[in-house]
N, C-alpha and C. Protein backbone atom coordinates (compact mmCIF):
# COMPACT_ATOMS: atom_id res chain seq x y z
N MET A 1 0.44 -1.02 -0.04
CA MET A 1 0.17 0.23 0.20
C MET A 1 0.71 1.16 -0.05
N TYR A 2 1.91 1.12 0.65
CA TYR A 2 2.79 2.15 0.94
C TYR A 2 3.59 2.15 -0.83
N GLU A 3 3.75 1.47 -1.43
CA GLU A 3 5.04 2.12 -2.52
C GLU A 3 3.82 2.34 -3.74
N ARG A 4 2.49 1.61 -3.56
CA ARG A 4 1.23 2.35 -4.76
C ARG A 4 0.66 3.94 -3.95
N HIS A 5 0.82 4.04 -2.55
CA HIS A 5 -0.02 5.64 -2.53
C HIS A 5 0.51 6.74 -1.89
N ALA A 6 2.04 6.29 -1.59
CA ALA A 6 2.81 7.28 -1.22
C ALA A 6 3.41 8.61 -1.50
N ASP A 7 3.21 8.47 -3.22
CA ASP A 7 3.23 9.77 -3.78
C ASP A 7 2.20 10.80 -3.45
N PHE A 8 1.00 10.12 -3.37
CA PHE A 8 -0.49 10.33 -3.58
C PHE A 8 -0.13 11.15 -1.77
N VAL A 9 -0.40 10.23 -0.67
CA VAL A 9 -0.21 11.35 0.11
C VAL A 9 0.83 12.29 0.03
N TRP A 10 1.64 12.21 -0.12
CA TRP A 10 3.08 12.70 0.23
C TRP A 10 2.46 14.61 -0.54
N ARG A 11 1.89 14.07 -1.53
CA ARG A 11 1.36 15.73 -2.48
C ARG A 11 0.15 16.35 -1.27
N THR A 12 -0.56 15.21 -1.31
CA THR A 12 -1.57 16.16 -0.55
C THR A 12 -1.23 16.47 0.95
N VAL A 13 -0.43 15.90 1.50
CA VAL A 13 -0.28 16.81 2.71
C VAL A 13 0.70 17.88 2.55
N ARG A 14 1.45 18.15 1.53
CA ARG A 14 2.04 19.24 0.86
C ARG A 14 0.88 20.49 0.72
N ARG A 15 0.22 19.87 -0.14
CA ARG A 15 -0.97 20.97 -0.62
C ARG A 15 -1.88 21.16 0.25
N LEU A 16 -2.14 20.56 1.64
CA LEU A 16 -2.79 21.15 2.26
C LEU A 16 -2.56 22.04 3.70
N GLY A 17 -0.77 22.42 3.16
CA GLY A 17 0.10 23.11 3.95
C GLY A 17 1.24 22.79 5.09
N VAL A 18 1.15 21.34 4.83
CA VAL A 18 2.54 20.69 5.35
C VAL A 18 4.10 20.95 5.44
N ALA A 19 4.58 21.66 5.79
CA ALA A 19 5.59 22.35 5.20
C ALA A 19 6.93 21.04 4.41
N GLU A 20 7.51 21.50 3.58
CA GLU A 20 8.12 20.59 2.83
C GLU A 20 8.95 19.95 3.65
N GLY A 21 9.50 20.43 4.83
CA GLY A 21 10.64 19.48 5.62
C GLY A 21 9.97 18.92 6.77
N GLU A 22 8.48 18.77 6.97
CA GLU A 22 7.63 18.18 7.46
C GLU A 22 6.89 16.95 6.39
N ALA A 23 7.09 16.76 5.32
CA ALA A 23 6.58 16.46 4.52
C ALA A 23 6.39 14.99 4.77
N ARG A 24 7.58 14.29 4.85
CA ARG A 24 8.47 13.27 5.07
C ARG A 24 7.43 12.12 6.42
N ASP A 25 7.56 13.16 7.35
CA ASP A 25 7.40 12.66 8.95
C ASP A 25 5.81 12.60 8.76
N ALA A 26 4.77 13.60 8.08
CA ALA A 26 3.83 13.52 8.03
C ALA A 26 3.13 12.07 7.48
N VAL A 27 3.77 11.92 6.02
CA VAL A 27 2.99 10.80 5.17
C VAL A 27 3.60 9.37 5.89
N GLN A 28 4.73 9.50 7.20
CA GLN A 28 4.91 8.36 7.98
C GLN A 28 3.55 7.87 8.93
N ASP A 29 3.14 9.23 9.65
CA ASP A 29 2.13 9.73 10.16
C ASP A 29 0.67 8.93 9.78
N VAL A 30 0.87 9.32 8.78
CA VAL A 30 -0.18 8.85 7.37
C VAL A 30 -0.57 7.23 7.61
N PHE A 31 0.52 6.71 7.37
CA PHE A 31 0.22 5.26 7.20
C PHE A 31 0.12 4.12 8.56
N LEU A 32 1.04 5.15 9.44
CA LEU A 32 0.73 4.35 10.82
C LEU A 32 -0.80 4.42 10.81
N ALA A 33 -1.15 5.98 10.84
CA ALA A 33 -3.14 5.55 11.36
C ALA A 33 -3.45 4.73 10.45
N VAL A 34 -3.16 4.56 9.20
CA VAL A 34 -3.37 3.57 8.15
C VAL A 34 -3.89 2.43 8.72
N HIS A 35 -2.14 1.84 9.27
CA HIS A 35 -2.03 0.91 9.89
C HIS A 35 -2.64 0.38 10.73
N SER A 36 -3.32 0.86 12.11
CA SER A 36 -3.86 1.41 12.71
C SER A 36 -5.13 1.22 12.82
N ASN A 37 -5.62 1.65 11.83
CA ASN A 37 -7.11 1.73 11.40
C ASN A 37 -7.79 0.87 10.32
N LEU A 38 -6.60 0.35 9.57
CA LEU A 38 -7.19 -0.81 8.48
C LEU A 38 -8.27 -1.66 8.66
N HIS A 39 -8.45 -1.68 9.72
CA HIS A 39 -9.61 -3.35 10.36
C HIS A 39 -11.07 -2.37 10.61
N THR A 40 -10.68 -1.07 9.89
CA THR A 40 -11.93 0.17 10.23
C THR A 40 -12.64 0.13 8.98
N PHE A 41 -11.79 0.01 7.93
CA PHE A 41 -12.07 0.09 6.49
C PHE A 41 -13.13 -0.83 5.80
N ARG A 42 -14.39 -0.24 5.34
CA ARG A 42 -15.16 -1.07 5.02
C ARG A 42 -14.99 -0.92 3.52
N GLY A 43 -14.44 -0.21 2.64
CA GLY A 43 -14.47 -0.62 1.48
C GLY A 43 -15.71 0.35 0.51
N GLU A 44 -16.82 1.08 1.54
CA GLU A 44 -17.61 1.90 1.15
C GLU A 44 -17.39 3.34 0.06
N CYS A 45 -15.70 3.79 0.18
CA CYS A 45 -15.07 4.51 -0.56
C CYS A 45 -14.36 4.08 -0.98
N SER A 46 -13.38 5.04 -2.19
CA SER A 46 -12.11 4.24 -2.84
C SER A 46 -10.83 4.61 -1.40
N LEU A 47 -10.21 3.90 -1.58
CA LEU A 47 -8.74 4.10 -1.14
C LEU A 47 -8.35 4.87 -1.16
N THR A 48 -8.07 5.90 -1.59
CA THR A 48 -7.68 7.09 -1.90
C THR A 48 -8.35 7.81 -1.44
N THR A 49 -9.83 8.06 -1.40
CA THR A 49 -10.45 8.82 -0.58
C THR A 49 -10.34 8.64 0.80
N TRP A 50 -10.17 7.39 1.18
CA TRP A 50 -9.79 7.21 2.92
C TRP A 50 -8.12 7.53 3.61
N LEU A 51 -7.88 7.65 2.14
CA LEU A 51 -6.38 7.74 2.68
C LEU A 51 -6.18 9.68 2.59
N PHE A 52 -7.29 10.18 1.69
CA PHE A 52 -7.28 11.75 1.91
C PHE A 52 -7.86 12.39 3.13
N ALA A 53 -8.94 11.46 3.45
CA ALA A 53 -9.17 11.69 5.06
C ALA A 53 -8.18 11.83 6.18
N ILE A 54 -7.64 10.74 6.09
CA ILE A 54 -6.23 10.84 6.92
C ILE A 54 -5.16 11.87 7.26
N SER A 55 -4.77 11.65 5.27
CA SER A 55 -3.84 12.90 5.37
C SER A 55 -4.07 14.38 5.85
N ARG A 56 -5.58 14.37 5.60
CA ARG A 56 -6.19 15.77 5.46
C ARG A 56 -6.35 15.92 7.09
N SER A 57 -6.50 15.09 8.15
CA SER A 57 -6.36 15.38 9.99
C SER A 57 -4.77 14.80 10.27
N VAL A 58 -4.09 14.30 9.64
CA VAL A 58 -2.46 14.54 9.77
C VAL A 58 -1.84 16.00 9.61
N ALA A 59 -2.50 16.11 8.37
CA ALA A 59 -2.06 17.67 7.75
C ALA A 59 -2.51 19.05 9.14
N ARG A 60 -3.63 18.99 9.50
CA ARG A 60 -4.25 19.77 10.14
C ARG A 60 -3.64 19.58 11.27
N GLU A 61 -2.98 18.57 12.04
CA GLU A 61 -2.39 18.57 13.28
C GLU A 61 -1.28 18.65 13.23
N ARG A 62 -0.58 18.76 12.22
CA ARG A 62 1.29 19.14 11.38
C ARG A 62 0.99 20.41 11.64
N ARG A 63 0.15 21.35 10.94
CA ARG A 63 -0.06 22.81 11.18
C ARG A 63 -0.26 23.49 12.16
N ARG A 64 -0.95 22.85 13.15
CA ARG A 64 -1.09 22.95 14.21
C ARG A 64 -0.09 23.35 15.18
N SER A 65 0.80 21.75 15.38
CA SER A 65 2.17 21.60 16.12
C SER A 65 3.24 22.67 15.57
N ALA A 66 3.13 22.95 13.95
CA ALA A 66 4.27 23.95 13.79
C ALA A 66 4.01 25.25 14.11
N ARG A 67 2.79 25.63 14.45
CA ARG A 67 2.96 27.34 14.84
C ARG A 67 3.42 27.37 16.42
N ARG A 68 3.22 26.20 17.22
CA ARG A 68 3.39 25.92 18.72
C ARG A 68 4.78 26.04 18.71
N ALA A 69 5.88 24.86 17.73
CA ALA A 69 7.23 24.96 18.37
C ALA A 69 8.12 24.84 16.75
N PRO A 70 8.95 25.93 16.66
CA PRO A 70 9.85 26.08 15.40
C PRO A 70 10.84 24.66 15.46
N THR A 71 10.87 24.04 14.33
CA THR A 71 12.05 22.82 13.70
C THR A 71 13.20 23.32 13.91
N LEU A 72 14.11 22.55 14.39
CA LEU A 72 15.49 22.82 14.36
C LEU A 72 16.16 21.77 13.62
N TYR A 73 16.95 22.23 13.07
CA TYR A 73 17.73 20.98 11.80
C TYR A 73 19.25 21.12 12.60
N ASP A 74 19.51 19.87 12.65
CA ASP A 74 20.76 19.54 12.61
C ASP A 74 21.62 19.15 11.42
N GLU A 75 23.05 19.53 11.45
CA GLU A 75 23.87 18.93 10.20
C GLU A 75 23.31 18.10 9.41
N GLY A 76 23.55 16.77 10.22
CA GLY A 76 22.86 15.91 9.57
C GLY A 76 21.98 15.50 8.84
N SER A 77 20.62 16.13 9.29
CA SER A 77 19.92 16.11 8.71
C SER A 77 19.05 17.55 7.51
N VAL A 78 20.38 18.32 7.96
CA VAL A 78 20.50 18.99 6.27
C VAL A 78 21.16 18.85 5.36
N ASP A 79 21.99 17.87 5.29
CA ASP A 79 23.03 17.05 4.31
C ASP A 79 22.07 15.86 4.23
N ASP A 80 21.14 15.20 4.77
CA ASP A 80 20.15 14.39 4.39
C ASP A 80 19.00 14.74 3.17
N GLU A 81 18.68 16.35 3.21
CA GLU A 81 18.15 16.70 1.70
C GLU A 81 18.80 17.54 0.83
N ILE A 82 20.22 17.12 0.90
CA ILE A 82 20.71 18.30 -0.32
C ILE A 82 20.69 17.25 -0.80
N ASP A 83 20.41 16.85 -2.54
CA ASP A 83 20.72 16.21 -3.72
C ASP A 83 21.70 16.50 -4.36
N LEU A 84 23.06 16.06 -4.56
CA LEU A 84 24.16 16.46 -4.98
C LEU A 84 24.14 16.53 -6.58
N ARG A 85 23.38 15.61 -6.82
CA ARG A 85 23.14 15.14 -8.42
C ARG A 85 22.18 15.93 -8.99
N ALA A 86 21.14 16.84 -8.51
CA ALA A 86 20.14 17.86 -8.86
C ALA A 86 20.51 18.69 -10.04
N ASP A 87 19.91 18.82 -11.00
CA ASP A 87 20.14 19.93 -11.44
C ASP A 87 19.94 21.38 -11.35
N VAL A 88 20.87 21.66 -10.58
CA VAL A 88 20.11 23.59 -10.13
C VAL A 88 19.37 24.27 -10.72
N ALA A 89 19.55 24.35 -11.85
CA ALA A 89 19.05 25.26 -12.65
C ALA A 89 17.01 24.98 -12.79
N ARG A 90 17.04 23.47 -13.23
CA ARG A 90 15.76 23.14 -13.28
C ARG A 90 15.34 23.10 -12.38
N GLY A 91 16.08 22.33 -10.97
CA GLY A 91 15.35 22.84 -10.09
C GLY A 91 14.65 23.74 -9.36
N ALA A 92 15.58 25.38 -9.44
CA ALA A 92 14.81 26.28 -9.31
C ALA A 92 13.73 26.70 -9.88
N GLU A 93 13.54 26.38 -10.61
CA GLU A 93 12.29 26.84 -11.98
C GLU A 93 11.44 25.64 -11.50
N HIS A 94 11.71 24.78 -11.22
CA HIS A 94 10.61 23.72 -10.44
C HIS A 94 9.98 24.33 -9.22
N ASN A 95 11.02 24.64 -8.36
CA ASN A 95 11.06 25.18 -7.00
C ASN A 95 9.94 26.66 -7.17
N GLN A 96 10.13 27.26 -8.51
CA GLN A 96 9.20 28.66 -8.47
C GLN A 96 7.93 28.43 -8.81
N GLN A 97 8.04 27.13 -9.57
CA GLN A 97 6.97 27.10 -10.66
C GLN A 97 5.62 26.61 -9.43
N LEU A 98 6.36 25.51 -8.61
CA LEU A 98 5.60 25.45 -7.02
C LEU A 98 4.90 26.43 -6.33
N GLY A 99 6.17 27.30 -6.15
CA GLY A 99 5.87 28.26 -5.34
C GLY A 99 4.49 28.86 -5.87
N LEU A 100 4.54 29.20 -7.31
CA LEU A 100 3.43 30.08 -7.50
C LEU A 100 2.02 29.24 -7.37
N LEU A 101 2.27 28.20 -7.73
CA LEU A 101 0.76 27.03 -7.61
C LEU A 101 0.37 26.92 -5.99
N ASP A 102 1.68 27.23 -5.44
CA ASP A 102 1.10 26.88 -3.69
C ASP A 102 0.49 28.13 -3.16
N GLY A 103 1.33 29.20 -3.79
CA GLY A 103 0.78 30.73 -3.54
C GLY A 103 -0.54 31.03 -4.48
N ILE A 104 -1.18 30.64 -4.92
CA ILE A 104 -2.50 30.40 -5.81
C ILE A 104 -3.55 29.53 -4.85
N LEU A 105 -2.77 28.21 -4.57
CA LEU A 105 -3.88 27.72 -3.71
C LEU A 105 -4.17 28.11 -2.22
N ASN A 106 -3.01 28.73 -1.55
CA ASN A 106 -3.21 29.08 -0.25
C ASN A 106 -4.24 30.35 -0.55
N GLN A 107 -4.54 31.05 -1.66
CA GLN A 107 -5.13 31.81 -1.69
C GLN A 107 -6.74 31.77 -1.88
N LEU A 108 -7.25 30.61 -2.26
CA LEU A 108 -8.55 30.00 -2.44
C LEU A 108 -8.65 29.55 -0.83
N PRO A 109 -9.84 29.83 -0.29
CA PRO A 109 -10.55 29.05 0.71
C PRO A 109 -10.13 27.47 0.97
N VAL A 110 -9.88 27.49 2.05
CA VAL A 110 -10.46 25.97 2.05
C VAL A 110 -10.66 24.95 1.33
N GLU A 111 -11.86 25.25 2.18
CA GLU A 111 -13.30 24.33 1.13
C GLU A 111 -13.45 24.23 -0.71
N GLN A 112 -12.85 24.98 -1.05
CA GLN A 112 -12.43 26.17 -2.48
C GLN A 112 -11.31 24.54 -3.16
N ARG A 113 -9.68 24.81 -2.65
CA ARG A 113 -8.85 24.76 -2.26
C ARG A 113 -8.53 23.14 -2.05
N ASN A 114 -9.27 22.37 -1.32
CA ASN A 114 -9.55 20.72 -1.28
C ASN A 114 -10.08 20.29 -2.55
N VAL A 115 -11.46 20.92 -2.92
CA VAL A 115 -12.20 20.34 -3.73
C VAL A 115 -11.38 20.61 -5.28
N PHE A 116 -10.27 21.66 -5.58
CA PHE A 116 -9.70 21.75 -6.67
C PHE A 116 -8.96 20.95 -6.72
N VAL A 117 -7.53 20.48 -5.97
CA VAL A 117 -6.72 19.94 -5.68
C VAL A 117 -7.13 18.59 -5.77
N LEU A 118 -7.99 18.08 -5.09
CA LEU A 118 -8.61 16.41 -5.51
C LEU A 118 -9.03 16.13 -7.12
N PHE A 119 -9.52 17.03 -7.67
CA PHE A 119 -10.15 17.14 -8.53
C PHE A 119 -9.30 17.50 -9.70
N GLU A 120 -8.81 18.61 -9.88
CA GLU A 120 -7.48 18.88 -10.87
C GLU A 120 -6.37 17.96 -11.02
N LEU A 121 -5.69 18.10 -9.96
CA LEU A 121 -4.23 17.59 -9.60
C LEU A 121 -4.27 16.31 -8.78
N GLU A 122 -5.21 15.55 -8.08
CA GLU A 122 -5.48 14.44 -8.36
C GLU A 122 -6.18 13.46 -8.87
N LYS A 123 -7.11 14.19 -9.52
CA LYS A 123 -7.79 13.43 -10.29
C LYS A 123 -8.99 12.43 -9.92
N LEU A 124 -9.70 12.77 -8.71
CA LEU A 124 -10.27 12.06 -8.01
C LEU A 124 -12.00 12.81 -8.66
N THR A 125 -12.98 11.67 -8.43
CA THR A 125 -13.93 12.03 -9.42
C THR A 125 -14.67 12.91 -8.48
N GLY A 126 -15.69 13.61 -8.82
CA GLY A 126 -16.74 14.27 -8.21
C GLY A 126 -17.10 13.21 -6.85
N GLU A 127 -17.97 12.04 -7.31
CA GLU A 127 -18.30 11.87 -6.32
C GLU A 127 -17.30 10.67 -5.44
N GLU A 128 -16.26 10.64 -5.72
CA GLU A 128 -14.87 10.41 -4.43
C GLU A 128 -14.58 11.59 -3.78
N ILE A 129 -14.74 12.25 -4.34
CA ILE A 129 -14.66 13.68 -3.54
C ILE A 129 -15.56 14.07 -2.39
N SER A 130 -16.90 14.19 -3.19
CA SER A 130 -18.15 14.06 -2.03
C SER A 130 -17.71 13.25 -0.68
N ALA A 131 -17.88 12.04 -1.08
CA ALA A 131 -16.96 11.12 0.16
C ALA A 131 -16.06 11.08 0.80
N ALA A 132 -14.99 11.81 0.27
CA ALA A 132 -13.97 12.19 1.20
C ALA A 132 -14.14 13.41 2.00
N LEU A 133 -14.65 14.20 1.34
CA LEU A 133 -15.35 15.57 2.41
C LEU A 133 -16.19 15.55 2.76
N GLU A 134 -17.56 14.52 2.68
CA GLU A 134 -18.28 13.88 3.34
C GLU A 134 -19.50 15.44 3.12
N ILE A 135 -19.61 15.70 1.65
CA ILE A 135 -19.89 17.08 1.37
C ILE A 135 -20.76 16.33 -0.04
N PRO A 136 -22.47 17.40 -0.26
CA PRO A 136 -22.91 16.94 -1.32
C PRO A 136 -22.39 17.24 -2.64
N LEU A 137 -22.31 16.06 -3.55
CA LEU A 137 -22.32 16.26 -5.02
C LEU A 137 -22.12 17.84 -5.38
N GLY A 138 -23.39 18.15 -5.40
CA GLY A 138 -23.48 19.41 -5.91
C GLY A 138 -22.44 20.31 -5.49
N THR A 139 -22.60 20.51 -3.87
CA THR A 139 -21.33 21.34 -3.23
C THR A 139 -20.07 21.21 -3.73
N VAL A 140 -19.94 20.05 -4.32
CA VAL A 140 -18.38 19.66 -4.75
C VAL A 140 -17.95 20.31 -6.43
N TYR A 141 -19.12 20.00 -7.08
CA TYR A 141 -19.13 21.32 -8.19
C TYR A 141 -19.18 22.09 -8.36
N SER A 142 -19.74 22.77 -7.16
CA SER A 142 -19.89 24.65 -6.84
C SER A 142 -18.73 25.16 -6.87
N ARG A 143 -18.08 23.87 -5.54
CA ARG A 143 -17.00 24.77 -4.98
C ARG A 143 -15.76 25.03 -5.87
N LEU A 144 -15.78 23.69 -6.77
CA LEU A 144 -14.62 23.48 -7.92
C LEU A 144 -14.79 24.51 -9.02
N GLN A 145 -16.27 25.10 -9.30
CA GLN A 145 -16.36 26.00 -9.92
C GLN A 145 -15.79 27.54 -9.96
N LEU A 146 -16.23 27.36 -8.36
CA LEU A 146 -15.66 28.63 -7.71
C LEU A 146 -14.28 28.78 -7.97
N ALA A 147 -13.52 28.09 -7.67
CA ALA A 147 -12.13 27.00 -7.36
C ALA A 147 -11.39 27.74 -8.59
N ARG A 148 -11.46 27.00 -9.43
CA ARG A 148 -11.48 27.54 -10.99
C ARG A 148 -11.51 28.73 -11.41
N LYS A 149 -12.59 29.65 -11.40
CA LYS A 149 -12.47 31.10 -11.36
C LYS A 149 -11.66 31.88 -10.89
N ALA A 150 -11.23 31.31 -9.45
CA ALA A 150 -10.11 32.03 -8.37
C ALA A 150 -9.16 31.59 -9.32
N PHE A 151 -8.46 30.84 -9.61
CA PHE A 151 -7.14 29.96 -10.46
C PHE A 151 -7.08 30.62 -11.45
N HIS A 152 -8.08 30.99 -12.19
CA HIS A 152 -7.76 31.59 -13.51
C HIS A 152 -7.29 32.71 -13.50
N SER A 153 -8.17 33.73 -12.61
CA SER A 153 -7.81 35.24 -12.43
C SER A 153 -6.64 35.59 -11.51
N ALA A 154 -6.05 34.18 -10.95
CA ALA A 154 -4.69 34.82 -9.92
C ALA A 154 -3.80 34.93 -10.86
N VAL A 155 -3.74 33.77 -11.85
CA VAL A 155 -2.95 33.36 -12.84
C VAL A 155 -2.63 34.79 -13.93
N ALA A 156 -4.02 34.97 -14.24
CA ALA A 156 -4.05 35.88 -15.54
C ALA A 156 -3.15 37.43 -14.38
N ARG A 157 -3.43 37.62 -13.07
CA ARG A 157 -3.04 38.77 -12.91
C ARG A 157 -1.77 38.76 -12.41
N ILE A 158 -0.72 37.18 -12.54
CA ILE A 158 0.95 36.93 -12.51
C ILE A 158 1.39 37.09 -13.88
N GLU A 159 0.08 36.50 -14.85
CA GLU A 159 1.07 36.78 -16.42
C GLU A 159 1.10 38.43 -16.39
N ALA A 160 -0.04 38.93 -16.06
CA ALA A 160 -0.07 40.41 -16.40
C ALA A 160 0.97 41.05 -15.60
N ARG A 161 1.05 40.79 -14.44
CA ARG A 161 2.57 41.26 -13.81
C ARG A 161 3.88 41.09 -14.27
N GLU A 162 4.57 39.78 -15.03
CA GLU A 162 4.86 39.57 -15.72
C GLU A 162 5.24 40.20 -16.88
N SER A 163 4.64 40.17 -17.49
CA SER A 163 4.36 41.28 -18.57
C SER A 163 4.58 42.60 -18.31
N PHE A 164 4.22 43.11 -17.44
CA PHE A 164 4.50 44.48 -17.15
C PHE A 164 5.87 44.59 -16.76
N ALA A 165 6.40 43.67 -16.12
CA ALA A 165 7.81 43.81 -15.38
C ALA A 165 8.73 44.01 -17.14
N ARG A 166 8.36 42.79 -17.92
CA ARG A 166 9.13 42.54 -18.93
C ARG A 166 9.33 44.25 -19.59
N ARG A 167 7.73 44.70 -19.91
CA ARG A 167 7.79 45.99 -20.12
C ARG A 167 8.42 47.31 -19.77
N ARG A 168 8.91 47.27 -18.35
CA ARG A 168 9.10 48.41 -17.92
C ARG A 168 11.05 48.09 -17.88
N ALA A 169 11.42 46.53 -18.06
CA ALA A 169 12.99 46.14 -18.45
C ALA A 169 12.92 46.31 -20.13
N GLY A 170 12.29 46.95 -20.58
CA GLY A 170 12.62 46.62 -22.08
C GLY A 170 12.49 46.03 -22.81
N GLY A 171 11.51 44.89 -22.74
CA GLY A 171 12.05 43.59 -23.23
C GLY A 171 10.23 43.67 -23.62
N THR A 172 10.01 42.42 -24.45
CA THR A 172 9.01 42.72 -25.53
C THR A 172 8.05 41.82 -24.79
């Protein structure tokens, strides 16, 4: 189960506001909860729906605890995070794009962000999202529509800002 769903859980906790340095621990917490509660899974929803619900709870707890106590890294843990083989330029561009996406998603109300991420990024169906978030299917689609509109507006603002900056710098 871990091999099949760890990437989904990692993306979910990151998009739900868990800091990158905390994401591994959060994923571990999710799978510990899965192990402890696997006997309660009745198959009434998909496994990813159930994993999302657990990930959402873990992410909420991680965000709460992060506000209370800052994380200190020792030299060994920082070295573990460095990948010396990484393409620095590509990684920087990728991180910039992820930062833009995170910034846009963080501007959305939580209810809209959850639906948008699950539908557009994780490719869950409306029915699966309805079950995961315990909301009516119509609410899923209305929140999705609002989130898409807000997302497109935010992208348009960023593109306009970048275009203006290029013109001021003498570019085309």
